[in-house]
Amino acid sequence: MNVLKKWHLKDIISIALIAVFSGVIFWGTGFLYSVLNALLTPIGLAPFSNEILFGLWTLAGPLAAFVIRIPLSSTLGEFLASAVEMIFGGQWGAATLISGLIQGLASEVGFAATAYKLYNWITICITTLSTTLITFMWSYFKDGYNGYSGFLIAMLFIVRLVSVFIFSGVLVKIVSDMIEKNRN
């Protein structure tokens, strides 16, 4: 993979389609979050609402990177999808754009670590780890996780890691493999 690969019209169209599709998923996940949060709050587990669903909010970046295979496609895909979520009236408003940018850059780190040359399970694992680590550090301060016990922080991290691996890893790999199969 040439790191200096240029963008073409089909790449721009692909990233736009991924962003719209993912942005609608992000928007819908907001409703799931509200329901899950309402169910978990009475038993003191409300912080897990975000972690269980987190991988759904981070799937646009890896999907864009696996499909387009151009540097910064992960960042752009995630950011544009967050913009679609915001435009649809997502409950976090313009703050969604900041989250989308951080999530996209976090995913991008995983692809940059392989010099944009590998698009396989190794990359899935690396980008899962980079996305989880970077976004969790952001949540640690933004969402007040620094006020939680060490055990709760560890459990929240593990749940986020699993969610990102399932939704932004396994699901993205399956979808990108299906797209690749249909290209040929």
C-alpha atoms as a PDB file:
ATOM      1  CA  MET A   1       0.000   0.000   0.000  1.00  0.00           C
ATOM      2  CA  ASN A   2       1.394   3.320  -1.043  1.00  0.00           C
ATOM      3  CA  VAL A   3       1.052   5.743   1.877  1.00  0.00           C
ATOM      4  CA  LEU A   4       0.882   8.605  -0.626  1.00  0.00           C
ATOM      5  CA  LYS A   5      -2.135   7.153  -2.453  1.00  0.00           C
ATOM      6  CA  LYS A   6      -4.372   9.927  -3.694  1.00  0.00           C
ATOM      7  CA  TRP A   7      -8.067  10.321  -3.167  1.00  0.00           C
ATOM      8  CA  HIS A   8     -10.363   9.626  -6.117  1.00  0.00           C
ATOM      9  CA  LEU A   9     -14.042  10.365  -6.598  1.00  0.00           C
ATOM     10  CA  LYS A  10     -14.987   6.760  -5.753  1.00  0.00           C
ATOM     11  CA  ASP A  11     -13.113   7.092  -2.438  1.00  0.00           C
ATOM     12  CA  ILE A  12     -14.969  10.285  -1.566  1.00  0.00           C
ATOM     13  CA  ILE A  13     -18.307   8.688  -2.465  1.00  0.00           C
ATOM     14  CA  SER A  14     -17.431   5.586  -0.446  1.00  0.00           C
ATOM     15  CA  ILE A  15     -16.476   7.574   2.641  1.00  0.00           C
ATOM     16  CA  ALA A  16     -19.647   9.656   2.330  1.00  0.00           C
ATOM     17  CA  LEU A  17     -21.785   6.503   2.159  1.00  0.00           C
ATOM     18  CA  ILE A  18     -19.960   4.971   5.124  1.00  0.00           C
ATOM     19  CA  ALA A  19     -20.421   8.211   7.077  1.00  0.00           C
ATOM     20  CA  VAL A  20     -24.151   8.423   6.397  1.00  0.00           C
ATOM     21  CA  PHE A  21     -24.732   4.736   7.137  1.00  0.00           C
ATOM     22  CA  SER A  22     -22.630   4.877  10.316  1.00  0.00           C
ATOM     23  CA  GLY A  23     -24.052   8.232  11.414  1.00  0.00           C
ATOM     24  CA  VAL A  24     -27.552   6.767  11.360  1.00  0.00           C
ATOM     25  CA  ILE A  25     -26.282   3.846  13.458  1.00  0.00           C
ATOM     26  CA  PHE A  26     -24.656   6.307  15.879  1.00  0.00           C
ATOM     27  CA  TRP A  27     -27.898   8.281  16.141  1.00  0.00           C
ATOM     28  CA  GLY A  28     -29.915   5.107  16.806  1.00  0.00           C
ATOM     29  CA  THR A  29     -27.376   3.957  19.371  1.00  0.00           C
ATOM     30  CA  GLY A  30     -28.180   7.119  21.328  1.00  0.00           C
ATOM     31  CA  PHE A  31     -31.681   5.762  21.924  1.00  0.00           C
ATOM     32  CA  LEU A  32     -30.287   2.379  22.998  1.00  0.00           C
ATOM     33  CA  TYR A  33     -27.941   4.209  25.346  1.00  0.00           C
ATOM     34  CA  SER A  34     -30.852   6.073  26.985  1.00  0.00           C
ATOM     35  CA  VAL A  35     -32.805   2.847  27.528  1.00  0.00           C
ATOM     36  CA  LEU A  36     -29.771   0.946  28.798  1.00  0.00           C
ATOM     37  CA  ASN A  37     -28.813   3.833  31.079  1.00  0.00           C
ATOM     38  CA  ALA A  38     -32.344   3.924  32.531  1.00  0.00           C
ATOM     39  CA  LEU A  39     -32.171   0.174  33.202  1.00  0.00           C
ATOM     40  CA  LEU A  40     -28.692   0.209  34.755  1.00  0.00           C
ATOM     41  CA  THR A  41     -29.015   3.369  36.883  1.00  0.00           C
ATOM     42  CA  PRO A  42     -31.194   1.847  39.643  1.00  0.00           C
ATOM     43  CA  ILE A  43     -28.623  -0.897  40.232  1.00  0.00           C
ATOM     44  CA  GLY A  44     -25.675   1.528  40.236  1.00  0.00           C
ATOM     45  CA  LEU A  45     -24.198   0.456  36.915  1.00  0.00           C
ATOM     46  CA  ALA A  46     -25.079   3.467  34.739  1.00  0.00           C
ATOM     47  CA  PRO A  47     -21.460   4.071  33.605  1.00  0.00           C
ATOM     48  CA  PHE A  48     -21.553   0.714  31.828  1.00  0.00           C
ATOM     49  CA  SER A  49     -24.233   2.012  29.427  1.00  0.00           C
ATOM     50  CA  ASN A  50     -21.624   3.919  27.468  1.00  0.00           C
ATOM     51  CA  GLU A  51     -19.048   1.141  27.579  1.00  0.00           C
ATOM     52  CA  ILE A  52     -21.353  -1.634  26.373  1.00  0.00           C
ATOM     53  CA  LEU A  53     -22.332   0.380  23.290  1.00  0.00           C
ATOM     54  CA  PHE A  54     -19.045   2.198  22.715  1.00  0.00           C
ATOM     55  CA  GLY A  55     -17.893  -0.020  19.853  1.00  0.00           C
ATOM     56  CA  LEU A  56     -20.955   0.948  17.840  1.00  0.00           C
ATOM     57  CA  TRP A  57     -19.899   4.607  18.069  1.00  0.00           C
ATOM     58  CA  THR A  58     -16.422   3.844  16.763  1.00  0.00           C
ATOM     59  CA  LEU A  59     -17.089   1.584  13.789  1.00  0.00           C
ATOM     60  CA  ALA A  60     -17.061   4.229  11.034  1.00  0.00           C
ATOM     61  CA  GLY A  61     -13.330   4.880  11.275  1.00  0.00           C
ATOM     62  CA  PRO A  62     -12.089   1.308  10.911  1.00  0.00           C
ATOM     63  CA  LEU A  63     -14.714   0.573   8.260  1.00  0.00           C
ATOM     64  CA  ALA A  64     -13.597   3.574   6.201  1.00  0.00           C
ATOM     65  CA  ALA A  65      -9.950   2.560   6.595  1.00  0.00           C
ATOM     66  CA  PHE A  66     -10.571  -1.065   5.596  1.00  0.00           C
ATOM     67  CA  VAL A  67     -12.656  -0.084   2.568  1.00  0.00           C
ATOM     68  CA  ILE A  68     -10.718   2.943   1.308  1.00  0.00           C
ATOM     69  CA  ARG A  69      -7.188   2.126   2.500  1.00  0.00           C
ATOM     70  CA  ILE A  70      -5.884   5.671   2.371  1.00  0.00           C
ATOM     71  CA  PRO A  71      -4.208   7.446   5.315  1.00  0.00           C
ATOM     72  CA  LEU A  72      -6.619   9.588   7.344  1.00  0.00           C
ATOM     73  CA  SER A  73      -9.689   7.782   5.951  1.00  0.00           C
ATOM     74  CA  SER A  74     -10.365   6.432   9.440  1.00  0.00           C
ATOM     75  CA  THR A  75     -10.303   9.908  10.960  1.00  0.00           C
ATOM     76  CA  LEU A  76     -12.402  11.407   8.190  1.00  0.00           C
ATOM     77  CA  GLY A  77     -14.924   8.549   8.207  1.00  0.00           C
ATOM     78  CA  GLU A  78     -15.463   8.753  11.955  1.00  0.00           C
ATOM     79  CA  PHE A  79     -15.667  12.548  11.991  1.00  0.00           C
ATOM     80  CA  LEU A  80     -18.161  12.718   9.108  1.00  0.00           C
ATOM     81  CA  ALA A  81     -20.289  10.000  10.702  1.00  0.00           C
ATOM     82  CA  SER A  82     -20.381  12.013  13.924  1.00  0.00           C
ATOM     83  CA  ALA A  83     -21.487  15.031  11.881  1.00  0.00           C
ATOM     84  CA  VAL A  84     -24.338  12.956  10.421  1.00  0.00           C
ATOM     85  CA  GLU A  85     -25.337  11.885  13.942  1.00  0.00           C
ATOM     86  CA  MET A  86     -25.346  15.523  15.052  1.00  0.00           C
ATOM     87  CA  ILE A  87     -27.370  16.647  12.012  1.00  0.00           C
ATOM     88  CA  PHE A  88     -29.950  13.936  12.732  1.00  0.00           C
ATOM     89  CA  GLY A  89     -30.367  15.444  16.196  1.00  0.00           C
ATOM     90  CA  GLY A  90     -28.120  13.236  18.288  1.00  0.00           C
ATOM     91  CA  GLN A  91     -28.512  13.901  21.994  1.00  0.00           C
ATOM     92  CA  TRP A  92     -24.948  15.143  22.515  1.00  0.00           C
ATOM     93  CA  GLY A  93     -25.168  17.920  19.918  1.00  0.00           C
ATOM     94  CA  ALA A  94     -21.984  19.541  18.640  1.00  0.00           C
ATOM     95  CA  ALA A  95     -19.910  17.737  21.292  1.00  0.00           C
ATOM     96  CA  THR A  96     -20.367  14.713  19.050  1.00  0.00           C
ATOM     97  CA  LEU A  97     -17.908  16.277  16.617  1.00  0.00           C
ATOM     98  CA  ILE A  98     -15.159  16.382  19.246  1.00  0.00           C
ATOM     99  CA  SER A  99     -15.826  12.760  20.156  1.00  0.00           C
ATOM    100  CA  GLY A 100     -15.842  11.775  16.481  1.00  0.00           C
ATOM    101  CA  LEU A 101     -12.506  13.456  15.881  1.00  0.00           C
ATOM    102  CA  ILE A 102     -10.897  11.806  18.914  1.00  0.00           C
ATOM    103  CA  GLN A 103     -12.345   8.398  18.022  1.00  0.00           C
ATOM    104  CA  GLY A 104     -11.218   8.721  14.411  1.00  0.00           C
ATOM    105  CA  LEU A 105      -7.691   9.748  15.365  1.00  0.00           C
ATOM    106  CA  ALA A 106      -7.545   6.929  17.928  1.00  0.00           C
ATOM    107  CA  SER A 107      -8.474   4.410  15.260  1.00  0.00           C
ATOM    108  CA  GLU A 108      -6.037   6.012  12.814  1.00  0.00           C
ATOM    109  CA  VAL A 109      -3.176   5.278  15.227  1.00  0.00           C
ATOM    110  CA  GLY A 110      -3.803   1.562  14.744  1.00  0.00           C
ATOM    111  CA  PHE A 111      -3.558   1.802  10.966  1.00  0.00           C
ATOM    112  CA  ALA A 112      -0.523   4.104  11.115  1.00  0.00           C
ATOM    113  CA  ALA A 113       1.200   1.548  13.364  1.00  0.00           C
ATOM    114  CA  THR A 114       1.197  -0.869  10.419  1.00  0.00           C
ATOM    115  CA  ALA A 115       2.251   1.912   8.007  1.00  0.00           C
ATOM    116  CA  TYR A 116      -1.133   1.457   6.292  1.00  0.00           C
ATOM    117  CA  LYS A 117       0.106  -1.829   4.822  1.00  0.00           C
ATOM    118  CA  LEU A 118      -1.864  -4.443   6.751  1.00  0.00           C
ATOM    119  CA  TYR A 119      -5.627  -4.801   6.666  1.00  0.00           C
ATOM    120  CA  ASN A 120      -6.131  -8.009   8.589  1.00  0.00           C
ATOM    121  CA  TRP A 121      -6.794  -9.342  12.086  1.00  0.00           C
ATOM    122  CA  ILE A 122      -3.489  -7.969  13.369  1.00  0.00           C
ATOM    123  CA  THR A 123      -4.606  -4.487  12.377  1.00  0.00           C
ATOM    124  CA  ILE A 124      -8.022  -5.085  13.932  1.00  0.00           C
ATOM    125  CA  CYS A 125      -6.320  -5.914  17.231  1.00  0.00           C
ATOM    126  CA  ILE A 126      -3.978  -2.920  17.053  1.00  0.00           C
ATOM    127  CA  THR A 127      -6.719  -0.441  16.164  1.00  0.00           C
ATOM    128  CA  THR A 128      -9.008  -1.935  18.820  1.00  0.00           C
ATOM    129  CA  LEU A 129      -6.315  -1.347  21.395  1.00  0.00           C
ATOM    130  CA  SER A 130      -5.439   2.169  20.204  1.00  0.00           C
ATOM    131  CA  THR A 131      -9.100   3.174  20.026  1.00  0.00           C
ATOM    132  CA  THR A 132      -9.820   1.796  23.475  1.00  0.00           C
ATOM    133  CA  LEU A 133      -6.747   3.300  25.150  1.00  0.00           C
ATOM    134  CA  ILE A 134      -7.024   6.782  23.669  1.00  0.00           C
ATOM    135  CA  THR A 135     -10.789   7.157  24.011  1.00  0.00           C
ATOM    136  CA  PHE A 136     -10.729   5.754  27.519  1.00  0.00           C
ATOM    137  CA  MET A 137      -8.132   8.332  28.562  1.00  0.00           C
ATOM    138  CA  TRP A 138     -10.460  11.002  27.135  1.00  0.00           C
ATOM    139  CA  SER A 139     -13.433   9.566  29.051  1.00  0.00           C
ATOM    140  CA  TYR A 140     -11.357   9.298  32.201  1.00  0.00           C
ATOM    141  CA  PHE A 141     -11.303  13.080  32.413  1.00  0.00           C
ATOM    142  CA  LYS A 142     -14.322  14.178  30.356  1.00  0.00           C
ATOM    143  CA  ASP A 143     -16.815  11.781  31.944  1.00  0.00           C
ATOM    144  CA  GLY A 144     -15.389  11.876  35.458  1.00  0.00           C
ATOM    145  CA  TYR A 145     -14.028   8.334  35.527  1.00  0.00           C
ATOM    146  CA  ASN A 146     -11.175   9.663  37.661  1.00  0.00           C
ATOM    147  CA  GLY A 147     -13.669   9.748  40.544  1.00  0.00           C
ATOM    148  CA  TYR A 148     -14.328   5.992  40.368  1.00  0.00           C
ATOM    149  CA  SER A 149     -12.585   3.212  42.256  1.00  0.00           C
ATOM    150  CA  GLY A 150      -9.715   1.396  40.576  1.00  0.00           C
ATOM    151  CA  PHE A 151     -11.809  -1.762  40.248  1.00  0.00           C
ATOM    152  CA  LEU A 152     -14.684   0.065  38.527  1.00  0.00           C
ATOM    153  CA  ILE A 153     -12.265   1.826  36.169  1.00  0.00           C
ATOM    154  CA  ALA A 154     -10.693  -1.524  35.243  1.00  0.00           C
ATOM    155  CA  MET A 155     -14.114  -3.094  34.611  1.00  0.00           C
ATOM    156  CA  LEU A 156     -15.238  -0.137  32.477  1.00  0.00           C
ATOM    157  CA  PHE A 157     -12.028  -0.409  30.446  1.00  0.00           C
ATOM    158  CA  ILE A 158     -12.487  -4.146  29.874  1.00  0.00           C
ATOM    159  CA  VAL A 159     -16.101  -3.707  28.784  1.00  0.00           C
ATOM    160  CA  ARG A 160     -15.080  -0.920  26.371  1.00  0.00           C
ATOM    161  CA  LEU A 161     -12.262  -3.056  24.971  1.00  0.00           C
ATOM    162  CA  VAL A 162     -14.638  -5.956  24.314  1.00  0.00           C
ATOM    163  CA  SER A 163     -17.267  -3.662  22.770  1.00  0.00           C
ATOM    164  CA  VAL A 164     -14.736  -2.011  20.456  1.00  0.00           C
ATOM    165  CA  PHE A 165     -13.322  -5.397  19.457  1.00  0.00           C
ATOM    166  CA  ILE A 166     -16.755  -6.840  18.650  1.00  0.00           C
ATOM    167  CA  PHE A 167     -18.340  -3.867  16.875  1.00  0.00           C
ATOM    168  CA  SER A 168     -15.369  -1.924  15.486  1.00  0.00           C
ATOM    169  CA  GLY A 169     -13.248  -5.010  14.959  1.00  0.00           C
ATOM    170  CA  VAL A 170     -15.067  -8.234  14.194  1.00  0.00           C
ATOM    171  CA  LEU A 171     -18.152  -6.606  12.645  1.00  0.00           C
ATOM    172  CA  VAL A 172     -16.034  -4.195  10.581  1.00  0.00           C
ATOM    173  CA  LYS A 173     -13.848  -7.064   9.330  1.00  0.00           C
ATOM    174  CA  ILE A 174     -16.899  -9.083   8.306  1.00  0.00           C
ATOM    175  CA  VAL A 175     -18.499  -6.136   6.489  1.00  0.00           C
ATOM    176  CA  SER A 176     -15.255  -5.087   4.774  1.00  0.00           C
ATOM    177  CA  ASP A 177     -14.627  -8.696   3.664  1.00  0.00           C
ATOM    178  CA  MET A 178     -18.144  -8.786   2.170  1.00  0.00           C
ATOM    179  CA  ILE A 179     -17.511  -5.493   0.347  1.00  0.00           C
ATOM    180  CA  GLU A 180     -14.153  -6.746  -0.927  1.00  0.00           C
ATOM    181  CA  LYS A 181     -15.728  -9.988  -2.136  1.00  0.00           C
ATOM    182  CA  ASN A 182     -18.352  -8.033  -4.094  1.00  0.00           C
ATOM    183  CA  ARG A 183     -15.675  -5.825  -5.700  1.00  0.00           C
ATOM    184  CA  ASN A 184     -14.105  -8.833  -7.384  1.00  0.00           C
END
